[in-house]
Amino acid sequence: MRKKAGLAVVLVSLLVALPARADAIGDGNICYEKFATADYKGAIRYCTSAIDSGELQDPDLIAALINRGVARKSIGEYESAIADYTRALRIAPNDALLYQNRANALHEMGDDDAALEDIQKSIGLDPESGGAWYVRGAIAEARGNRGDARKYYMTALGLDPENKVYREKILGNGSR
């Protein structure tokens, strides 16, 4: 019995001495929680830990890259956000949301030519995405094409009639 107790102490000692291994899925979940509470820097930290672990399967890796990209965009790190979306697109080249998010970041950076190319791909992949039509409207508006912008914003609102941002955008464009 004493021999077993000694072995247990050795095993526990070895486990305590090993560095704690990051739980990639756990970090990904915390990333999402931080993002949902607008703690963008915390989200970036946890997403990066999950991504860098190398342990995420493709769907979880894509989700972590999207969340980190959106968090980076939210704090003005557009180039880093675009890099995250681009990396995710290498894994999922037909993901409409990735093209939409990258288009939005490109638009925020002022690269409306590249943004337009990405949003056209997004809409081609998922023409029922209100978010994609909204970004398409923002690009048209930035280019001074208010008529097309309104049409795209109306399409977005038609696809998602409860969206307050879309509704306010339409009302702000003189539809009263």
C-alpha atoms as a PDB file:
ATOM      1  CA  MET A   1       0.000   0.000   0.000  1.00  0.00           C
ATOM      2  CA  ARG A   2       2.827   2.349   0.835  1.00  0.00           C
ATOM      3  CA  LYS A   3       4.319   1.774  -2.639  1.00  0.00           C
ATOM      4  CA  LYS A   4       1.019   2.851  -4.297  1.00  0.00           C
ATOM      5  CA  ALA A   5       0.829   5.982  -2.162  1.00  0.00           C
ATOM      6  CA  GLY A   6       4.383   6.885  -3.120  1.00  0.00           C
ATOM      7  CA  LEU A   7       3.573   6.401  -6.815  1.00  0.00           C
ATOM      8  CA  ALA A   8       0.505   8.634  -6.477  1.00  0.00           C
ATOM      9  CA  VAL A   9       2.609  11.380  -4.899  1.00  0.00           C
ATOM     10  CA  VAL A  10       5.119  11.131  -7.767  1.00  0.00           C
ATOM     11  CA  LEU A  11       2.355  11.345 -10.378  1.00  0.00           C
ATOM     12  CA  VAL A  12       0.731  14.334  -8.673  1.00  0.00           C
ATOM     13  CA  SER A  13       4.146  15.990  -8.380  1.00  0.00           C
ATOM     14  CA  LEU A  14       4.762  15.479 -12.111  1.00  0.00           C
ATOM     15  CA  LEU A  15       1.362  16.879 -13.027  1.00  0.00           C
ATOM     16  CA  VAL A  16       1.918  19.940 -10.851  1.00  0.00           C
ATOM     17  CA  ALA A  17       5.361  20.457 -12.351  1.00  0.00           C
ATOM     18  CA  LEU A  18       4.070  20.363 -15.951  1.00  0.00           C
ATOM     19  CA  PRO A  19       3.098  23.727 -17.374  1.00  0.00           C
ATOM     20  CA  ALA A  20      -0.641  24.213 -17.675  1.00  0.00           C
ATOM     21  CA  ARG A  21      -1.802  23.490 -21.210  1.00  0.00           C
ATOM     22  CA  ALA A  22      -4.158  26.042 -22.689  1.00  0.00           C
ATOM     23  CA  ASP A  23      -7.673  24.832 -23.379  1.00  0.00           C
ATOM     24  CA  ALA A  24      -8.159  26.088 -26.925  1.00  0.00           C
ATOM     25  CA  ILE A  25     -11.932  25.594 -26.974  1.00  0.00           C
ATOM     26  CA  GLY A  26     -12.223  27.244 -23.561  1.00  0.00           C
ATOM     27  CA  ASP A  27     -10.147  30.197 -24.727  1.00  0.00           C
ATOM     28  CA  GLY A  28     -12.320  30.425 -27.848  1.00  0.00           C
ATOM     29  CA  ASN A  29     -15.438  30.506 -25.675  1.00  0.00           C
ATOM     30  CA  ILE A  30     -13.968  33.175 -23.409  1.00  0.00           C
ATOM     31  CA  CYS A  31     -12.991  35.133 -26.516  1.00  0.00           C
ATOM     32  CA  TYR A  32     -16.629  35.123 -27.607  1.00  0.00           C
ATOM     33  CA  GLU A  33     -17.811  36.169 -24.120  1.00  0.00           C
ATOM     34  CA  LYS A  34     -15.301  39.031 -24.035  1.00  0.00           C
ATOM     35  CA  PHE A  35     -16.368  40.099 -27.506  1.00  0.00           C
ATOM     36  CA  ALA A  36     -20.057  39.998 -26.539  1.00  0.00           C
ATOM     37  CA  THR A  37     -19.373  42.369 -23.635  1.00  0.00           C
ATOM     38  CA  ALA A  38     -17.321  44.745 -25.822  1.00  0.00           C
ATOM     39  CA  ASP A  39     -14.052  43.814 -24.099  1.00  0.00           C
ATOM     40  CA  TYR A  40     -12.294  43.763 -27.457  1.00  0.00           C
ATOM     41  CA  LYS A  41      -8.751  43.640 -26.117  1.00  0.00           C
ATOM     42  CA  GLY A  42      -9.682  40.694 -23.899  1.00  0.00           C
ATOM     43  CA  ALA A  43     -11.356  39.011 -26.854  1.00  0.00           C
ATOM     44  CA  ILE A  44      -8.234  39.465 -28.956  1.00  0.00           C
ATOM     45  CA  ARG A  45      -6.066  38.006 -26.181  1.00  0.00           C
ATOM     46  CA  TYR A  46      -8.206  34.879 -25.731  1.00  0.00           C
ATOM     47  CA  CYS A  47      -8.819  34.368 -29.456  1.00  0.00           C
ATOM     48  CA  THR A  48      -5.089  34.633 -30.088  1.00  0.00           C
ATOM     49  CA  SER A  49      -4.406  32.031 -27.403  1.00  0.00           C
ATOM     50  CA  ALA A  50      -6.940  29.662 -28.963  1.00  0.00           C
ATOM     51  CA  ILE A  51      -5.672  30.267 -32.505  1.00  0.00           C
ATOM     52  CA  ASP A  52      -1.998  29.957 -31.591  1.00  0.00           C
ATOM     53  CA  SER A  53      -2.592  26.681 -29.721  1.00  0.00           C
ATOM     54  CA  GLY A  54      -2.849  24.823 -33.027  1.00  0.00           C
ATOM     55  CA  GLU A  55      -5.518  22.656 -31.401  1.00  0.00           C
ATOM     56  CA  LEU A  56      -8.652  24.076 -33.042  1.00  0.00           C
ATOM     57  CA  GLN A  57     -10.451  22.165 -35.761  1.00  0.00           C
ATOM     58  CA  ASP A  58     -11.331  24.234 -38.835  1.00  0.00           C
ATOM     59  CA  PRO A  59     -14.863  25.342 -37.776  1.00  0.00           C
ATOM     60  CA  ASP A  60     -13.593  26.510 -34.377  1.00  0.00           C
ATOM     61  CA  LEU A  61     -10.508  28.120 -35.938  1.00  0.00           C
ATOM     62  CA  ILE A  62     -12.691  30.026 -38.399  1.00  0.00           C
ATOM     63  CA  ALA A  63     -14.962  31.202 -35.549  1.00  0.00           C
ATOM     64  CA  ALA A  64     -11.952  32.370 -33.515  1.00  0.00           C
ATOM     65  CA  LEU A  65     -10.509  34.194 -36.538  1.00  0.00           C
ATOM     66  CA  ILE A  66     -13.861  35.889 -37.207  1.00  0.00           C
ATOM     67  CA  ASN A  67     -14.260  36.932 -33.575  1.00  0.00           C
ATOM     68  CA  ARG A  68     -10.703  38.238 -33.367  1.00  0.00           C
ATOM     69  CA  GLY A  69     -11.126  40.009 -36.699  1.00  0.00           C
ATOM     70  CA  VAL A  70     -14.303  41.738 -35.586  1.00  0.00           C
ATOM     71  CA  ALA A  71     -12.699  42.694 -32.262  1.00  0.00           C
ATOM     72  CA  ARG A  72      -9.669  44.095 -34.089  1.00  0.00           C
ATOM     73  CA  LYS A  73     -11.882  46.041 -36.480  1.00  0.00           C
ATOM     74  CA  SER A  74     -13.836  47.406 -33.520  1.00  0.00           C
ATOM     75  CA  ILE A  75     -10.691  49.007 -32.102  1.00  0.00           C
ATOM     76  CA  GLY A  76      -9.483  50.272 -35.476  1.00  0.00           C
ATOM     77  CA  GLU A  77      -6.926  47.547 -36.238  1.00  0.00           C
ATOM     78  CA  TYR A  78      -8.233  47.148 -39.795  1.00  0.00           C
ATOM     79  CA  GLU A  79      -5.168  45.561 -41.369  1.00  0.00           C
ATOM     80  CA  SER A  80      -5.001  42.914 -38.637  1.00  0.00           C
ATOM     81  CA  ALA A  81      -8.726  42.239 -39.003  1.00  0.00           C
ATOM     82  CA  ILE A  82      -8.325  41.843 -42.758  1.00  0.00           C
ATOM     83  CA  ALA A  83      -5.433  39.426 -42.177  1.00  0.00           C
ATOM     84  CA  ASP A  84      -7.670  37.308 -39.901  1.00  0.00           C
ATOM     85  CA  TYR A  85     -10.480  37.200 -42.474  1.00  0.00           C
ATOM     86  CA  THR A  86      -8.018  36.382 -45.247  1.00  0.00           C
ATOM     87  CA  ARG A  87      -6.549  33.527 -43.209  1.00  0.00           C
ATOM     88  CA  ALA A  88     -10.034  32.167 -42.548  1.00  0.00           C
ATOM     89  CA  LEU A  89     -10.917  32.462 -46.254  1.00  0.00           C
ATOM     90  CA  ARG A  90      -7.993  30.154 -47.061  1.00  0.00           C
ATOM     91  CA  ILE A  91      -9.812  27.512 -45.018  1.00  0.00           C
ATOM     92  CA  ALA A  92     -13.353  28.406 -46.116  1.00  0.00           C
ATOM     93  CA  PRO A  93     -13.151  30.118 -49.529  1.00  0.00           C
ATOM     94  CA  ASN A  94     -16.934  30.102 -50.014  1.00  0.00           C
ATOM     95  CA  ASP A  95     -17.922  31.688 -46.703  1.00  0.00           C
ATOM     96  CA  ALA A  96     -20.124  34.700 -47.425  1.00  0.00           C
ATOM     97  CA  LEU A  97     -19.761  36.118 -43.900  1.00  0.00           C
ATOM     98  CA  LEU A  98     -15.973  36.191 -44.209  1.00  0.00           C
ATOM     99  CA  TYR A  99     -16.187  38.164 -47.443  1.00  0.00           C
ATOM    100  CA  GLN A 100     -18.748  40.484 -45.839  1.00  0.00           C
ATOM    101  CA  ASN A 101     -16.554  41.118 -42.806  1.00  0.00           C
ATOM    102  CA  ARG A 102     -13.448  41.668 -44.898  1.00  0.00           C
ATOM    103  CA  ALA A 103     -15.385  44.027 -47.202  1.00  0.00           C
ATOM    104  CA  ASN A 104     -16.554  46.002 -44.177  1.00  0.00           C
ATOM    105  CA  ALA A 105     -12.993  46.311 -42.827  1.00  0.00           C
ATOM    106  CA  LEU A 106     -11.656  47.283 -46.265  1.00  0.00           C
ATOM    107  CA  HIS A 107     -14.395  49.910 -46.533  1.00  0.00           C
ATOM    108  CA  GLU A 108     -13.516  51.293 -43.096  1.00  0.00           C
ATOM    109  CA  MET A 109      -9.902  51.583 -44.290  1.00  0.00           C
ATOM    110  CA  GLY A 110     -11.079  53.492 -47.353  1.00  0.00           C
ATOM    111  CA  ASP A 111     -10.293  50.774 -49.911  1.00  0.00           C
ATOM    112  CA  ASP A 112     -13.726  50.745 -51.511  1.00  0.00           C
ATOM    113  CA  ASP A 113     -12.531  49.040 -54.721  1.00  0.00           C
ATOM    114  CA  ALA A 114     -11.385  45.949 -52.814  1.00  0.00           C
ATOM    115  CA  ALA A 115     -14.412  46.223 -50.497  1.00  0.00           C
ATOM    116  CA  LEU A 116     -16.758  46.231 -53.491  1.00  0.00           C
ATOM    117  CA  GLU A 117     -15.106  43.125 -54.917  1.00  0.00           C
ATOM    118  CA  ASP A 118     -15.497  41.278 -51.606  1.00  0.00           C
ATOM    119  CA  ILE A 119     -19.080  42.366 -50.988  1.00  0.00           C
ATOM    120  CA  GLN A 120     -20.083  41.273 -54.498  1.00  0.00           C
ATOM    121  CA  LYS A 121     -18.633  37.821 -53.687  1.00  0.00           C
ATOM    122  CA  SER A 122     -20.509  37.787 -50.378  1.00  0.00           C
ATOM    123  CA  ILE A 123     -23.818  38.687 -52.009  1.00  0.00           C
ATOM    124  CA  GLY A 124     -23.203  36.123 -54.758  1.00  0.00           C
ATOM    125  CA  LEU A 125     -22.716  33.435 -52.112  1.00  0.00           C
ATOM    126  CA  ASP A 126     -25.597  34.560 -49.888  1.00  0.00           C
ATOM    127  CA  PRO A 127     -28.032  37.027 -51.481  1.00  0.00           C
ATOM    128  CA  GLU A 128     -30.298  36.763 -48.412  1.00  0.00           C
ATOM    129  CA  SER A 129     -27.786  38.393 -46.052  1.00  0.00           C
ATOM    130  CA  GLY A 130     -29.078  41.735 -44.842  1.00  0.00           C
ATOM    131  CA  GLY A 131     -25.619  42.545 -43.498  1.00  0.00           C
ATOM    132  CA  ALA A 132     -24.013  42.138 -46.909  1.00  0.00           C
ATOM    133  CA  TRP A 133     -26.560  44.437 -48.538  1.00  0.00           C
ATOM    134  CA  TYR A 134     -26.006  46.969 -45.771  1.00  0.00           C
ATOM    135  CA  VAL A 135     -22.241  46.971 -46.425  1.00  0.00           C
ATOM    136  CA  ARG A 136     -22.982  47.262 -50.159  1.00  0.00           C
ATOM    137  CA  GLY A 137     -25.062  50.340 -49.339  1.00  0.00           C
ATOM    138  CA  ALA A 138     -22.264  51.847 -47.248  1.00  0.00           C
ATOM    139  CA  ILE A 139     -19.831  51.405 -50.139  1.00  0.00           C
ATOM    140  CA  ALA A 140     -22.270  53.026 -52.589  1.00  0.00           C
ATOM    141  CA  GLU A 141     -22.852  55.894 -50.152  1.00  0.00           C
ATOM    142  CA  ALA A 142     -19.108  56.438 -49.730  1.00  0.00           C
ATOM    143  CA  ARG A 143     -18.822  56.665 -53.508  1.00  0.00           C
ATOM    144  CA  GLY A 144     -21.510  59.364 -53.563  1.00  0.00           C
ATOM    145  CA  ASN A 145     -24.210  57.174 -55.076  1.00  0.00           C
ATOM    146  CA  ARG A 146     -27.062  57.909 -52.676  1.00  0.00           C
ATOM    147  CA  GLY A 147     -29.761  56.386 -54.896  1.00  0.00           C
ATOM    148  CA  ASP A 148     -28.074  52.993 -55.073  1.00  0.00           C
ATOM    149  CA  ALA A 149     -27.104  53.246 -51.411  1.00  0.00           C
ATOM    150  CA  ARG A 150     -30.753  53.710 -50.443  1.00  0.00           C
ATOM    151  CA  LYS A 151     -31.766  50.776 -52.652  1.00  0.00           C
ATOM    152  CA  TYR A 152     -29.179  48.516 -50.978  1.00  0.00           C
ATOM    153  CA  TYR A 153     -30.153  49.702 -47.501  1.00  0.00           C
ATOM    154  CA  MET A 154     -33.814  48.998 -48.331  1.00  0.00           C
ATOM    155  CA  THR A 155     -32.855  45.500 -49.469  1.00  0.00           C
ATOM    156  CA  ALA A 156     -31.040  44.964 -46.159  1.00  0.00           C
ATOM    157  CA  LEU A 157     -34.078  46.170 -44.214  1.00  0.00           C
ATOM    158  CA  GLY A 158     -36.401  43.979 -46.293  1.00  0.00           C
ATOM    159  CA  LEU A 159     -34.289  40.946 -45.407  1.00  0.00           C
ATOM    160  CA  ASP A 160     -34.081  41.886 -41.716  1.00  0.00           C
ATOM    161  CA  PRO A 161     -37.051  44.177 -40.922  1.00  0.00           C
ATOM    162  CA  GLU A 162     -36.380  44.200 -37.168  1.00  0.00           C
ATOM    163  CA  ASN A 163     -32.819  45.516 -37.506  1.00  0.00           C
ATOM    164  CA  LYS A 164     -32.738  48.946 -35.858  1.00  0.00           C
ATOM    165  CA  VAL A 165     -29.482  50.007 -37.547  1.00  0.00           C
ATOM    166  CA  TYR A 166     -30.925  49.354 -41.009  1.00  0.00           C
ATOM    167  CA  ARG A 167     -34.172  51.111 -40.118  1.00  0.00           C
ATOM    168  CA  GLU A 168     -32.330  54.170 -38.761  1.00  0.00           C
ATOM    169  CA  LYS A 169     -30.144  54.295 -41.864  1.00  0.00           C
ATOM    170  CA  ILE A 170     -33.221  54.403 -44.104  1.00  0.00           C
ATOM    171  CA  LEU A 171     -34.917  57.049 -41.980  1.00  0.00           C
ATOM    172  CA  GLY A 172     -31.700  59.050 -41.998  1.00  0.00           C
ATOM    173  CA  ASN A 173     -31.677  58.978 -45.795  1.00  0.00           C
ATOM    174  CA  GLY A 174     -34.838  61.053 -46.061  1.00  0.00           C
ATOM    175  CA  SER A 175     -37.574  58.425 -46.246  1.00  0.00           C
ATOM    176  CA  ARG A 176     -39.848  60.345 -43.871  1.00  0.00           C
END
